[in-house]
Amino acid sequence: MTRARRTIRLGPARWILYVGAVVALAWIATQLFYFAQIAIWNNVNPQSTAFMRSDAWRLSEDHSDLSIQHTWVPYEQISRNLKRAIIASEDADFVNNNGYETDAILQAWEKNKARGKIVAGGSTITQQLARNLFLSREKSYIRKGQELIITWMLETLMDKERIYEIYLNSVEWGNGIYGAEAAAQHYYKTSAAKLTAGQSARLAVMLPRPKYFDEHRSSPYLTHRAGVIAHRMGMAELPD
Protein backbone atom coordinates (compact mmCIF):
# COMPACT_ATOMS: atom_id res chain seq x y z
CA MET A 1 0.00 0.00 0.00
CA THR A 2 1.56 3.28 -1.08
CA ARG A 3 1.18 6.53 0.71
CA ALA A 4 -0.27 9.41 -1.24
CA ARG A 5 2.15 12.28 -1.64
CA ARG A 6 1.07 15.53 -0.13
CA THR A 7 1.51 18.61 -2.32
CA ILE A 8 2.02 21.82 -0.41
CA ARG A 9 0.37 24.69 -2.16
CA LEU A 10 1.14 28.24 -1.22
CA GLY A 11 -1.65 30.76 -1.29
CA PRO A 12 -1.08 34.07 -3.12
CA ALA A 13 -0.18 35.93 0.09
CA ARG A 14 2.31 33.28 1.24
CA TRP A 15 3.81 33.09 -2.24
CA ILE A 16 4.40 36.85 -2.22
CA LEU A 17 6.00 36.61 1.24
CA TYR A 18 8.20 33.73 0.07
CA VAL A 19 9.41 35.60 -3.03
CA GLY A 20 9.93 38.75 -0.96
CA ALA A 21 12.03 36.82 1.57
CA VAL A 22 14.19 35.31 -1.18
CA VAL A 23 14.75 38.72 -2.77
CA ALA A 24 15.58 40.29 0.60
CA LEU A 25 18.08 37.55 1.45
CA ALA A 26 19.72 37.88 -1.97
CA TRP A 27 19.99 41.66 -1.46
CA ILE A 28 21.52 41.26 1.99
CA ALA A 29 24.00 38.68 0.67
CA THR A 30 25.02 41.08 -2.09
CA GLN A 31 25.62 43.90 0.40
CA LEU A 32 27.69 41.60 2.61
CA PHE A 33 29.77 40.62 -0.43
CA TYR A 34 30.43 44.28 -1.26
CA PHE A 35 31.31 45.04 2.36
CA ALA A 36 33.72 42.10 2.61
CA GLN A 37 35.34 42.91 -0.73
CA ILE A 38 35.94 46.52 0.27
CA ALA A 39 37.43 45.39 3.59
CA ILE A 40 39.87 43.17 1.68
CA TRP A 41 40.75 45.99 -0.70
CA ASN A 42 41.85 48.09 2.22
CA ASN A 43 45.06 46.04 2.13
CA VAL A 44 44.97 44.29 -1.26
CA ASN A 45 44.90 46.14 -4.59
CA PRO A 46 41.91 45.38 -6.86
CA GLN A 47 42.99 43.51 -9.97
CA SER A 48 39.99 44.65 -12.01
CA THR A 49 36.66 46.47 -11.72
CA ALA A 50 33.15 45.92 -13.04
CA PHE A 51 33.80 48.57 -15.71
CA MET A 52 37.04 46.89 -16.78
CA ARG A 53 35.40 43.49 -17.07
CA SER A 54 32.47 44.79 -19.11
CA ASP A 55 34.86 46.74 -21.33
CA ALA A 56 37.08 43.68 -21.84
CA TRP A 57 34.06 41.74 -23.09
CA ARG A 58 32.99 44.60 -25.36
CA LEU A 59 36.46 45.00 -26.85
CA SER A 60 36.74 41.26 -27.50
CA GLU A 61 33.46 41.41 -29.43
CA ASP A 62 33.86 44.71 -31.30
CA HIS A 63 37.58 45.57 -31.29
CA SER A 64 39.66 42.41 -31.21
CA ASP A 65 42.77 44.50 -31.89
CA LEU A 66 42.33 46.36 -28.58
CA SER A 67 42.59 45.18 -24.98
CA ILE A 68 42.37 46.64 -21.49
CA GLN A 69 45.40 48.79 -20.63
CA HIS A 70 45.91 48.95 -16.87
CA THR A 71 48.99 49.13 -14.64
CA TRP A 72 48.70 49.68 -10.90
CA VAL A 73 51.10 52.21 -9.36
CA PRO A 74 51.33 53.23 -5.68
CA TYR A 75 49.79 56.51 -4.58
CA GLU A 76 53.23 58.08 -4.09
CA GLN A 77 54.13 57.35 -7.72
CA ILE A 78 51.27 59.42 -9.14
CA SER A 79 51.96 63.07 -9.89
CA ARG A 80 50.58 65.54 -7.37
CA ASN A 81 49.61 67.61 -10.41
CA LEU A 82 47.13 64.92 -11.45
CA LYS A 83 45.83 64.45 -7.91
CA ARG A 84 45.16 68.17 -7.59
CA ALA A 85 43.66 68.48 -11.08
CA ILE A 86 41.10 65.73 -10.53
CA ILE A 87 39.98 67.09 -7.18
CA ALA A 88 39.70 70.58 -8.69
CA SER A 89 37.64 69.21 -11.58
CA GLU A 90 35.56 66.44 -10.02
CA ASP A 91 35.14 66.95 -6.27
CA ALA A 92 36.60 70.11 -4.70
CA ASP A 93 35.57 69.09 -1.16
CA PHE A 94 36.73 65.47 -1.46
CA VAL A 95 38.97 65.57 1.62
CA ASN A 96 36.25 66.94 3.89
CA ASN A 97 32.99 65.44 2.65
CA ASN A 98 31.57 62.08 3.74
CA GLY A 99 31.29 60.76 0.21
CA TYR A 100 28.15 62.69 -0.67
CA GLU A 101 27.39 66.22 -1.82
CA THR A 102 23.72 66.79 -1.06
CA ASP A 103 23.51 70.00 -3.07
CA ALA A 104 25.03 68.32 -6.12
CA ILE A 105 22.59 65.40 -5.84
CA LEU A 106 19.61 67.77 -5.58
CA GLN A 107 20.84 69.79 -8.55
CA ALA A 108 21.21 66.59 -10.57
CA TRP A 109 17.67 65.57 -9.55
CA GLU A 110 16.24 68.87 -10.78
CA LYS A 111 18.19 68.62 -14.04
CA ASN A 112 17.02 65.05 -14.64
CA LYS A 113 13.41 66.03 -13.88
CA ALA A 114 13.59 68.91 -16.35
CA ARG A 115 15.06 66.67 -19.06
CA GLY A 116 12.68 63.78 -18.37
CA LYS A 117 15.57 61.32 -18.14
CA ILE A 118 18.73 60.71 -16.12
CA VAL A 119 21.52 62.87 -17.53
CA ALA A 120 23.38 63.81 -14.34
CA GLY A 121 24.24 62.13 -11.05
CA GLY A 122 26.04 64.69 -8.93
CA SER A 123 28.64 62.08 -8.03
CA THR A 124 31.64 62.66 -5.80
CA ILE A 125 34.95 60.86 -6.33
CA THR A 126 33.89 58.18 -3.84
CA GLN A 127 30.57 57.67 -5.62
CA GLN A 128 32.36 57.34 -8.95
CA LEU A 129 34.65 54.73 -7.43
CA ALA A 130 31.67 52.80 -6.02
CA ARG A 131 30.12 52.69 -9.48
CA ASN A 132 33.33 51.72 -11.25
CA LEU A 133 34.19 48.94 -8.82
CA PHE A 134 30.87 47.12 -8.66
CA LEU A 135 28.10 48.48 -10.87
CA SER A 136 27.10 48.86 -14.50
CA ARG A 137 27.02 51.89 -16.78
CA GLU A 138 23.23 51.82 -16.79
CA LYS A 139 21.66 55.00 -15.43
CA SER A 140 18.76 54.36 -13.07
CA TYR A 141 17.61 55.44 -9.64
CA ILE A 142 17.96 51.86 -8.37
CA ARG A 143 21.60 51.83 -9.40
CA LYS A 144 22.05 55.26 -7.81
CA GLY A 145 20.67 53.92 -4.55
CA GLN A 146 23.09 51.01 -4.59
CA GLU A 147 25.90 53.41 -5.44
CA LEU A 148 25.13 55.45 -2.32
CA ILE A 149 25.21 52.34 -0.13
CA ILE A 150 28.59 51.27 -1.51
CA THR A 151 29.83 54.85 -1.05
CA TRP A 152 28.96 54.62 2.64
CA MET A 153 30.87 51.33 2.86
CA LEU A 154 33.95 52.83 1.21
CA GLU A 155 33.93 55.89 3.48
CA THR A 156 33.41 53.67 6.56
CA LEU A 157 36.13 51.11 5.83
CA MET A 158 38.78 53.18 4.07
CA ASP A 159 40.56 56.47 4.65
CA LYS A 160 40.51 59.14 1.97
CA GLU A 161 44.00 58.42 0.70
CA ARG A 162 43.19 54.74 0.07
CA ILE A 163 39.93 55.67 -1.66
CA TYR A 164 41.80 58.12 -3.88
CA GLU A 165 44.60 55.66 -4.61
CA ILE A 166 42.14 53.04 -5.85
CA TYR A 167 40.21 55.67 -7.82
CA LEU A 168 43.33 56.95 -9.56
CA ASN A 169 44.29 53.41 -10.50
CA SER A 170 40.89 52.27 -11.74
CA VAL A 171 39.09 55.23 -13.33
CA GLU A 172 38.40 54.99 -17.08
CA TRP A 173 40.45 57.30 -19.33
CA GLY A 174 39.61 56.17 -22.85
CA ASN A 175 38.80 53.15 -24.96
CA GLY A 176 40.15 50.36 -22.75
CA ILE A 177 42.42 52.79 -20.84
CA TYR A 178 42.18 52.47 -17.07
CA GLY A 179 44.17 54.18 -14.34
CA ALA A 180 46.67 57.03 -14.21
CA GLU A 181 49.67 55.05 -15.44
CA ALA A 182 47.92 53.69 -18.53
CA ALA A 183 46.51 57.15 -19.29
CA ALA A 184 49.92 58.83 -18.97
CA GLN A 185 51.47 56.28 -21.31
CA HIS A 186 48.55 56.37 -23.79
CA TYR A 187 48.29 60.13 -24.15
CA TYR A 188 51.76 61.45 -23.31
CA LYS A 189 54.21 58.51 -23.51
CA THR A 190 55.33 59.19 -19.95
CA SER A 191 54.72 57.82 -16.46
CA ALA A 192 52.01 58.91 -14.06
CA ALA A 193 54.73 60.28 -11.79
CA LYS A 194 55.97 62.73 -14.44
CA LEU A 195 52.71 64.30 -15.62
CA THR A 196 52.92 68.08 -15.85
CA ALA A 197 50.27 70.50 -14.63
CA GLY A 198 48.96 71.06 -18.17
CA GLN A 199 48.83 67.37 -18.99
CA SER A 200 47.12 66.63 -15.69
CA ALA A 201 44.49 69.31 -16.24
CA ARG A 202 43.58 67.86 -19.64
CA LEU A 203 43.34 64.33 -18.22
CA ALA A 204 41.09 65.57 -15.42
CA VAL A 205 38.71 67.26 -17.85
CA MET A 206 38.43 64.05 -19.88
CA LEU A 207 36.99 62.00 -17.03
CA PRO A 208 33.24 62.59 -17.53
CA ARG A 209 33.50 61.54 -21.22
CA PRO A 210 36.78 59.64 -21.61
CA LYS A 211 35.95 57.72 -24.80
CA TYR A 212 34.70 60.87 -26.52
CA PHE A 213 37.78 62.91 -25.65
CA ASP A 214 40.05 60.01 -26.57
CA GLU A 215 38.73 60.49 -30.11
CA HIS A 216 38.46 64.31 -29.93
CA ARG A 217 41.72 65.37 -28.32
CA SER A 218 41.76 68.71 -30.13
CA SER A 219 38.33 69.70 -28.79
CA PRO A 220 38.17 73.46 -28.05
CA TYR A 221 36.12 72.72 -24.93
CA LEU A 222 38.82 70.36 -23.64
CA THR A 223 41.50 73.01 -24.14
CA HIS A 224 39.45 75.80 -22.54
CA ARG A 225 38.27 73.73 -19.58
CA ALA A 226 41.80 72.42 -18.94
CA GLY A 227 42.96 76.03 -18.62
CA VAL A 228 40.28 76.70 -16.01
CA ILE A 229 41.23 73.58 -14.03
CA ALA A 230 44.94 74.45 -14.22
CA HIS A 231 44.17 77.74 -12.43
CA ARG A 232 42.18 75.96 -9.72
CA MET A 233 44.71 73.24 -9.00
CA GLY A 234 46.65 75.28 -6.45
CA MET A 235 43.58 75.41 -4.18
CA ALA A 236 42.95 71.65 -4.24
CA GLU A 237 43.48 69.89 -0.91
CA LEU A 238 45.02 66.43 -1.09
CA PRO A 239 44.35 63.52 1.30
CA ASP A 240 47.93 63.04 2.49
C-alpha atoms as a PDB file:
ATOM      1  CA  MET A   1       0.000   0.000   0.000  1.00  0.00           C
ATOM      2  CA  THR A   2       1.559   3.276  -1.081  1.00  0.00           C
ATOM      3  CA  ARG A   3       1.179   6.526   0.714  1.00  0.00           C
ATOM      4  CA  ALA A   4      -0.271   9.412  -1.236  1.00  0.00           C
ATOM      5  CA  ARG A   5       2.154  12.277  -1.642  1.00  0.00           C
ATOM      6  CA  ARG A   6       1.072  15.532  -0.129  1.00  0.00           C
ATOM      7  CA  THR A   7       1.507  18.605  -2.317  1.00  0.00           C
ATOM      8  CA  ILE A   8       2.015  21.817  -0.407  1.00  0.00           C
ATOM      9  CA  ARG A   9       0.370  24.690  -2.162  1.00  0.00           C
ATOM     10  CA  LEU A  10       1.144  28.245  -1.216  1.00  0.00           C
ATOM     11  CA  GLY A  11      -1.648  30.761  -1.290  1.00  0.00           C
ATOM     12  CA  PRO A  12      -1.080  34.069  -3.122  1.00  0.00           C
ATOM     13  CA  ALA A  13      -0.180  35.933   0.089  1.00  0.00           C
ATOM     14  CA  ARG A  14       2.308  33.277   1.237  1.00  0.00           C
ATOM     15  CA  TRP A  15       3.810  33.095  -2.239  1.00  0.00           C
ATOM     16  CA  ILE A  16       4.396  36.847  -2.224  1.00  0.00           C
ATOM     17  CA  LEU A  17       5.999  36.613   1.236  1.00  0.00           C
ATOM     18  CA  TYR A  18       8.205  33.733   0.066  1.00  0.00           C
ATOM     19  CA  VAL A  19       9.411  35.604  -3.029  1.00  0.00           C
ATOM     20  CA  GLY A  20       9.934  38.750  -0.957  1.00  0.00           C
ATOM     21  CA  ALA A  21      12.026  36.822   1.570  1.00  0.00           C
ATOM     22  CA  VAL A  22      14.193  35.308  -1.178  1.00  0.00           C
ATOM     23  CA  VAL A  23      14.748  38.717  -2.773  1.00  0.00           C
ATOM     24  CA  ALA A  24      15.578  40.287   0.604  1.00  0.00           C
ATOM     25  CA  LEU A  25      18.078  37.546   1.452  1.00  0.00           C
ATOM     26  CA  ALA A  26      19.718  37.882  -1.966  1.00  0.00           C
ATOM     27  CA  TRP A  27      19.987  41.656  -1.462  1.00  0.00           C
ATOM     28  CA  ILE A  28      21.520  41.257   1.992  1.00  0.00           C
ATOM     29  CA  ALA A  29      23.999  38.677   0.672  1.00  0.00           C
ATOM     30  CA  THR A  30      25.020  41.080  -2.094  1.00  0.00           C
ATOM     31  CA  GLN A  31      25.622  43.899   0.399  1.00  0.00           C
ATOM     32  CA  LEU A  32      27.689  41.602   2.614  1.00  0.00           C
ATOM     33  CA  PHE A  33      29.770  40.625  -0.426  1.00  0.00           C
ATOM     34  CA  TYR A  34      30.429  44.278  -1.262  1.00  0.00           C
ATOM     35  CA  PHE A  35      31.305  45.036   2.356  1.00  0.00           C
ATOM     36  CA  ALA A  36      33.725  42.099   2.611  1.00  0.00           C
ATOM     37  CA  GLN A  37      35.339  42.911  -0.733  1.00  0.00           C
ATOM     38  CA  ILE A  38      35.937  46.522   0.272  1.00  0.00           C
ATOM     39  CA  ALA A  39      37.426  45.391   3.591  1.00  0.00           C
ATOM     40  CA  ILE A  40      39.871  43.168   1.682  1.00  0.00           C
ATOM     41  CA  TRP A  41      40.753  45.990  -0.704  1.00  0.00           C
ATOM     42  CA  ASN A  42      41.848  48.088   2.224  1.00  0.00           C
ATOM     43  CA  ASN A  43      45.056  46.037   2.127  1.00  0.00           C
ATOM     44  CA  VAL A  44      44.968  44.286  -1.263  1.00  0.00           C
ATOM     45  CA  ASN A  45      44.897  46.137  -4.589  1.00  0.00           C
ATOM     46  CA  PRO A  46      41.911  45.376  -6.859  1.00  0.00           C
ATOM     47  CA  GLN A  47      42.985  43.510  -9.975  1.00  0.00           C
ATOM     48  CA  SER A  48      39.995  44.654 -12.006  1.00  0.00           C
ATOM     49  CA  THR A  49      36.664  46.472 -11.724  1.00  0.00           C
ATOM     50  CA  ALA A  50      33.147  45.923 -13.043  1.00  0.00           C
ATOM     51  CA  PHE A  51      33.799  48.568 -15.707  1.00  0.00           C
ATOM     52  CA  MET A  52      37.039  46.895 -16.782  1.00  0.00           C
ATOM     53  CA  ARG A  53      35.398  43.490 -17.073  1.00  0.00           C
ATOM     54  CA  SER A  54      32.465  44.787 -19.115  1.00  0.00           C
ATOM     55  CA  ASP A  55      34.857  46.737 -21.330  1.00  0.00           C
ATOM     56  CA  ALA A  56      37.080  43.681 -21.839  1.00  0.00           C
ATOM     57  CA  TRP A  57      34.065  41.737 -23.094  1.00  0.00           C
ATOM     58  CA  ARG A  58      32.987  44.601 -25.364  1.00  0.00           C
ATOM     59  CA  LEU A  59      36.457  44.999 -26.851  1.00  0.00           C
ATOM     60  CA  SER A  60      36.745  41.262 -27.499  1.00  0.00           C
ATOM     61  CA  GLU A  61      33.463  41.414 -29.426  1.00  0.00           C
ATOM     62  CA  ASP A  62      33.857  44.714 -31.298  1.00  0.00           C
ATOM     63  CA  HIS A  63      37.578  45.571 -31.294  1.00  0.00           C
ATOM     64  CA  SER A  64      39.656  42.408 -31.210  1.00  0.00           C
ATOM     65  CA  ASP A  65      42.770  44.504 -31.894  1.00  0.00           C
ATOM     66  CA  LEU A  66      42.331  46.356 -28.582  1.00  0.00           C
ATOM     67  CA  SER A  67      42.591  45.179 -24.985  1.00  0.00           C
ATOM     68  CA  ILE A  68      42.373  46.642 -21.489  1.00  0.00           C
ATOM     69  CA  GLN A  69      45.398  48.787 -20.629  1.00  0.00           C
ATOM     70  CA  HIS A  70      45.914  48.952 -16.871  1.00  0.00           C
ATOM     71  CA  THR A  71      48.989  49.130 -14.642  1.00  0.00           C
ATOM     72  CA  TRP A  72      48.704  49.680 -10.898  1.00  0.00           C
ATOM     73  CA  VAL A  73      51.098  52.209  -9.358  1.00  0.00           C
ATOM     74  CA  PRO A  74      51.328  53.228  -5.676  1.00  0.00           C
ATOM     75  CA  TYR A  75      49.795  56.514  -4.579  1.00  0.00           C
ATOM     76  CA  GLU A  76      53.228  58.084  -4.092  1.00  0.00           C
ATOM     77  CA  GLN A  77      54.132  57.353  -7.718  1.00  0.00           C
ATOM     78  CA  ILE A  78      51.272  59.421  -9.137  1.00  0.00           C
ATOM     79  CA  SER A  79      51.955  63.071  -9.894  1.00  0.00           C
ATOM     80  CA  ARG A  80      50.583  65.543  -7.369  1.00  0.00           C
ATOM     81  CA  ASN A  81      49.607  67.606 -10.411  1.00  0.00           C
ATOM     82  CA  LEU A  82      47.126  64.917 -11.449  1.00  0.00           C
ATOM     83  CA  LYS A  83      45.832  64.450  -7.906  1.00  0.00           C
ATOM     84  CA  ARG A  84      45.156  68.173  -7.591  1.00  0.00           C
ATOM     85  CA  ALA A  85      43.656  68.481 -11.076  1.00  0.00           C
ATOM     86  CA  ILE A  86      41.096  65.733 -10.533  1.00  0.00           C
ATOM     87  CA  ILE A  87      39.977  67.094  -7.182  1.00  0.00           C
ATOM     88  CA  ALA A  88      39.696  70.584  -8.694  1.00  0.00           C
ATOM     89  CA  SER A  89      37.644  69.214 -11.581  1.00  0.00           C
ATOM     90  CA  GLU A  90      35.564  66.439 -10.020  1.00  0.00           C
ATOM     91  CA  ASP A  91      35.143  66.950  -6.268  1.00  0.00           C
ATOM     92  CA  ALA A  92      36.599  70.107  -4.701  1.00  0.00           C
ATOM     93  CA  ASP A  93      35.573  69.094  -1.163  1.00  0.00           C
ATOM     94  CA  PHE A  94      36.728  65.470  -1.461  1.00  0.00           C
ATOM     95  CA  VAL A  95      38.973  65.567   1.617  1.00  0.00           C
ATOM     96  CA  ASN A  96      36.249  66.937   3.889  1.00  0.00           C
ATOM     97  CA  ASN A  97      32.988  65.439   2.653  1.00  0.00           C
ATOM     98  CA  ASN A  98      31.567  62.076   3.743  1.00  0.00           C
ATOM     99  CA  GLY A  99      31.288  60.761   0.208  1.00  0.00           C
ATOM    100  CA  TYR A 100      28.147  62.692  -0.671  1.00  0.00           C
ATOM    101  CA  GLU A 101      27.393  66.221  -1.819  1.00  0.00           C
ATOM    102  CA  THR A 102      23.724  66.786  -1.059  1.00  0.00           C
ATOM    103  CA  ASP A 103      23.513  70.001  -3.070  1.00  0.00           C
ATOM    104  CA  ALA A 104      25.028  68.316  -6.120  1.00  0.00           C
ATOM    105  CA  ILE A 105      22.590  65.399  -5.837  1.00  0.00           C
ATOM    106  CA  LEU A 106      19.609  67.771  -5.581  1.00  0.00           C
ATOM    107  CA  GLN A 107      20.840  69.791  -8.550  1.00  0.00           C
ATOM    108  CA  ALA A 108      21.206  66.591 -10.566  1.00  0.00           C
ATOM    109  CA  TRP A 109      17.672  65.573  -9.545  1.00  0.00           C
ATOM    110  CA  GLU A 110      16.235  68.868 -10.782  1.00  0.00           C
ATOM    111  CA  LYS A 111      18.194  68.625 -14.041  1.00  0.00           C
ATOM    112  CA  ASN A 112      17.018  65.049 -14.641  1.00  0.00           C
ATOM    113  CA  LYS A 113      13.409  66.027 -13.879  1.00  0.00           C
ATOM    114  CA  ALA A 114      13.585  68.912 -16.347  1.00  0.00           C
ATOM    115  CA  ARG A 115      15.057  66.665 -19.064  1.00  0.00           C
ATOM    116  CA  GLY A 116      12.683  63.781 -18.374  1.00  0.00           C
ATOM    117  CA  LYS A 117      15.569  61.321 -18.138  1.00  0.00           C
ATOM    118  CA  ILE A 118      18.729  60.714 -16.124  1.00  0.00           C
ATOM    119  CA  VAL A 119      21.517  62.871 -17.527  1.00  0.00           C
ATOM    120  CA  ALA A 120      23.378  63.813 -14.338  1.00  0.00           C
ATOM    121  CA  GLY A 121      24.242  62.135 -11.053  1.00  0.00           C
ATOM    122  CA  GLY A 122      26.043  64.694  -8.932  1.00  0.00           C
ATOM    123  CA  SER A 123      28.639  62.084  -8.035  1.00  0.00           C
ATOM    124  CA  THR A 124      31.639  62.665  -5.798  1.00  0.00           C
ATOM    125  CA  ILE A 125      34.953  60.857  -6.333  1.00  0.00           C
ATOM    126  CA  THR A 126      33.890  58.180  -3.844  1.00  0.00           C
ATOM    127  CA  GLN A 127      30.569  57.669  -5.618  1.00  0.00           C
ATOM    128  CA  GLN A 128      32.358  57.342  -8.947  1.00  0.00           C
ATOM    129  CA  LEU A 129      34.646  54.729  -7.426  1.00  0.00           C
ATOM    130  CA  ALA A 130      31.672  52.804  -6.022  1.00  0.00           C
ATOM    131  CA  ARG A 131      30.116  52.685  -9.478  1.00  0.00           C
ATOM    132  CA  ASN A 132      33.335  51.725 -11.255  1.00  0.00           C
ATOM    133  CA  LEU A 133      34.191  48.935  -8.825  1.00  0.00           C
ATOM    134  CA  PHE A 134      30.868  47.117  -8.658  1.00  0.00           C
ATOM    135  CA  LEU A 135      28.099  48.478 -10.874  1.00  0.00           C
ATOM    136  CA  SER A 136      27.104  48.855 -14.502  1.00  0.00           C
ATOM    137  CA  ARG A 137      27.024  51.892 -16.776  1.00  0.00           C
ATOM    138  CA  GLU A 138      23.233  51.823 -16.791  1.00  0.00           C
ATOM    139  CA  LYS A 139      21.665  55.000 -15.433  1.00  0.00           C
ATOM    140  CA  SER A 140      18.760  54.360 -13.068  1.00  0.00           C
ATOM    141  CA  TYR A 141      17.609  55.439  -9.641  1.00  0.00           C
ATOM    142  CA  ILE A 142      17.957  51.857  -8.370  1.00  0.00           C
ATOM    143  CA  ARG A 143      21.605  51.831  -9.400  1.00  0.00           C
ATOM    144  CA  LYS A 144      22.048  55.257  -7.807  1.00  0.00           C
ATOM    145  CA  GLY A 145      20.668  53.923  -4.547  1.00  0.00           C
ATOM    146  CA  GLN A 146      23.091  51.013  -4.588  1.00  0.00           C
ATOM    147  CA  GLU A 147      25.904  53.414  -5.441  1.00  0.00           C
ATOM    148  CA  LEU A 148      25.131  55.449  -2.317  1.00  0.00           C
ATOM    149  CA  ILE A 149      25.206  52.337  -0.127  1.00  0.00           C
ATOM    150  CA  ILE A 150      28.588  51.273  -1.505  1.00  0.00           C
ATOM    151  CA  THR A 151      29.831  54.846  -1.052  1.00  0.00           C
ATOM    152  CA  TRP A 152      28.958  54.623   2.642  1.00  0.00           C
ATOM    153  CA  MET A 153      30.868  51.330   2.865  1.00  0.00           C
ATOM    154  CA  LEU A 154      33.952  52.832   1.211  1.00  0.00           C
ATOM    155  CA  GLU A 155      33.929  55.885   3.477  1.00  0.00           C
ATOM    156  CA  THR A 156      33.405  53.670   6.559  1.00  0.00           C
ATOM    157  CA  LEU A 157      36.126  51.109   5.831  1.00  0.00           C
ATOM    158  CA  MET A 158      38.780  53.179   4.065  1.00  0.00           C
ATOM    159  CA  ASP A 159      40.562  56.471   4.652  1.00  0.00           C
ATOM    160  CA  LYS A 160      40.507  59.144   1.970  1.00  0.00           C
ATOM    161  CA  GLU A 161      44.003  58.417   0.701  1.00  0.00           C
ATOM    162  CA  ARG A 162      43.192  54.743   0.067  1.00  0.00           C
ATOM    163  CA  ILE A 163      39.927  55.667  -1.656  1.00  0.00           C
ATOM    164  CA  TYR A 164      41.798  58.118  -3.879  1.00  0.00           C
ATOM    165  CA  GLU A 165      44.600  55.664  -4.614  1.00  0.00           C
ATOM    166  CA  ILE A 166      42.138  53.045  -5.847  1.00  0.00           C
ATOM    167  CA  TYR A 167      40.209  55.668  -7.817  1.00  0.00           C
ATOM    168  CA  LEU A 168      43.332  56.952  -9.565  1.00  0.00           C
ATOM    169  CA  ASN A 169      44.292  53.409 -10.501  1.00  0.00           C
ATOM    170  CA  SER A 170      40.889  52.271 -11.743  1.00  0.00           C
ATOM    171  CA  VAL A 171      39.089  55.227 -13.331  1.00  0.00           C
ATOM    172  CA  GLU A 172      38.401  54.995 -17.078  1.00  0.00           C
ATOM    173  CA  TRP A 173      40.446  57.296 -19.332  1.00  0.00           C
ATOM    174  CA  GLY A 174      39.611  56.165 -22.847  1.00  0.00           C
ATOM    175  CA  ASN A 175      38.799  53.148 -24.960  1.00  0.00           C
ATOM    176  CA  GLY A 176      40.152  50.363 -22.754  1.00  0.00           C
ATOM    177  CA  ILE A 177      42.420  52.789 -20.843  1.00  0.00           C
ATOM    178  CA  TYR A 178      42.176  52.471 -17.066  1.00  0.00           C
ATOM    179  CA  GLY A 179      44.174  54.179 -14.344  1.00  0.00           C
ATOM    180  CA  ALA A 180      46.669  57.034 -14.215  1.00  0.00           C
ATOM    181  CA  GLU A 181      49.674  55.051 -15.443  1.00  0.00           C
ATOM    182  CA  ALA A 182      47.924  53.686 -18.528  1.00  0.00           C
ATOM    183  CA  ALA A 183      46.509  57.151 -19.289  1.00  0.00           C
ATOM    184  CA  ALA A 184      49.916  58.829 -18.971  1.00  0.00           C
ATOM    185  CA  GLN A 185      51.467  56.279 -21.315  1.00  0.00           C
ATOM    186  CA  HIS A 186      48.555  56.366 -23.787  1.00  0.00           C
ATOM    187  CA  TYR A 187      48.289  60.131 -24.146  1.00  0.00           C
ATOM    188  CA  TYR A 188      51.762  61.454 -23.309  1.00  0.00           C
ATOM    189  CA  LYS A 189      54.213  58.510 -23.506  1.00  0.00           C
ATOM    190  CA  THR A 190      55.329  59.190 -19.949  1.00  0.00           C
ATOM    191  CA  SER A 191      54.721  57.819 -16.459  1.00  0.00           C
ATOM    192  CA  ALA A 192      52.007  58.908 -14.059  1.00  0.00           C
ATOM    193  CA  ALA A 193      54.727  60.283 -11.794  1.00  0.00           C
ATOM    194  CA  LYS A 194      55.968  62.730 -14.443  1.00  0.00           C
ATOM    195  CA  LEU A 195      52.714  64.302 -15.616  1.00  0.00           C
ATOM    196  CA  THR A 196      52.919  68.076 -15.854  1.00  0.00           C
ATOM    197  CA  ALA A 197      50.267  70.504 -14.629  1.00  0.00           C
ATOM    198  CA  GLY A 198      48.962  71.059 -18.170  1.00  0.00           C
ATOM    199  CA  GLN A 199      48.828  67.369 -18.992  1.00  0.00           C
ATOM    200  CA  SER A 200      47.117  66.632 -15.689  1.00  0.00           C
ATOM    201  CA  ALA A 201      44.489  69.312 -16.240  1.00  0.00           C
ATOM    202  CA  ARG A 202      43.578  67.858 -19.639  1.00  0.00           C
ATOM    203  CA  LEU A 203      43.339  64.332 -18.221  1.00  0.00           C
ATOM    204  CA  ALA A 204      41.086  65.566 -15.418  1.00  0.00           C
ATOM    205  CA  VAL A 205      38.712  67.263 -17.853  1.00  0.00           C
ATOM    206  CA  MET A 206      38.434  64.054 -19.882  1.00  0.00           C
ATOM    207  CA  LEU A 207      36.989  62.002 -17.033  1.00  0.00           C
ATOM    208  CA  PRO A 208      33.244  62.591 -17.530  1.00  0.00           C
ATOM    209  CA  ARG A 209      33.500  61.539 -21.218  1.00  0.00           C
ATOM    210  CA  PRO A 210      36.781  59.636 -21.609  1.00  0.00           C
ATOM    211  CA  LYS A 211      35.954  57.722 -24.796  1.00  0.00           C
ATOM    212  CA  TYR A 212      34.697  60.868 -26.519  1.00  0.00           C
ATOM    213  CA  PHE A 213      37.780  62.906 -25.645  1.00  0.00           C
ATOM    214  CA  ASP A 214      40.050  60.008 -26.572  1.00  0.00           C
ATOM    215  CA  GLU A 215      38.727  60.487 -30.105  1.00  0.00           C
ATOM    216  CA  HIS A 216      38.456  64.314 -29.930  1.00  0.00           C
ATOM    217  CA  ARG A 217      41.722  65.373 -28.322  1.00  0.00           C
ATOM    218  CA  SER A 218      41.758  68.715 -30.131  1.00  0.00           C
ATOM    219  CA  SER A 219      38.331  69.697 -28.794  1.00  0.00           C
ATOM    220  CA  PRO A 220      38.167  73.462 -28.049  1.00  0.00           C
ATOM    221  CA  TYR A 221      36.124  72.717 -24.926  1.00  0.00           C
ATOM    222  CA  LEU A 222      38.820  70.356 -23.644  1.00  0.00           C
ATOM    223  CA  THR A 223      41.498  73.011 -24.143  1.00  0.00           C
ATOM    224  CA  HIS A 224      39.453  75.799 -22.535  1.00  0.00           C
ATOM    225  CA  ARG A 225      38.272  73.727 -19.581  1.00  0.00           C
ATOM    226  CA  ALA A 226      41.796  72.417 -18.945  1.00  0.00           C
ATOM    227  CA  GLY A 227      42.962  76.025 -18.622  1.00  0.00           C
ATOM    228  CA  VAL A 228      40.276  76.697 -16.013  1.00  0.00           C
ATOM    229  CA  ILE A 229      41.233  73.581 -14.027  1.00  0.00           C
ATOM    230  CA  ALA A 230      44.938  74.452 -14.218  1.00  0.00           C
ATOM    231  CA  HIS A 231      44.174  77.741 -12.433  1.00  0.00           C
ATOM    232  CA  ARG A 232      42.176  75.961  -9.723  1.00  0.00           C
ATOM    233  CA  MET A 233      44.708  73.236  -9.000  1.00  0.00           C
ATOM    234  CA  GLY A 234      46.648  75.280  -6.453  1.00  0.00           C
ATOM    235  CA  MET A 235      43.580  75.413  -4.183  1.00  0.00           C
ATOM    236  CA  ALA A 236      42.949  71.651  -4.244  1.00  0.00           C
ATOM    237  CA  GLU A 237      43.485  69.893  -0.915  1.00  0.00           C
ATOM    238  CA  LEU A 238      45.017  66.426  -1.091  1.00  0.00           C
ATOM    239  CA  PRO A 239      44.349  63.521   1.296  1.00  0.00           C
ATOM    240  CA  ASP A 240      47.930  63.041   2.488  1.00  0.00           C
END
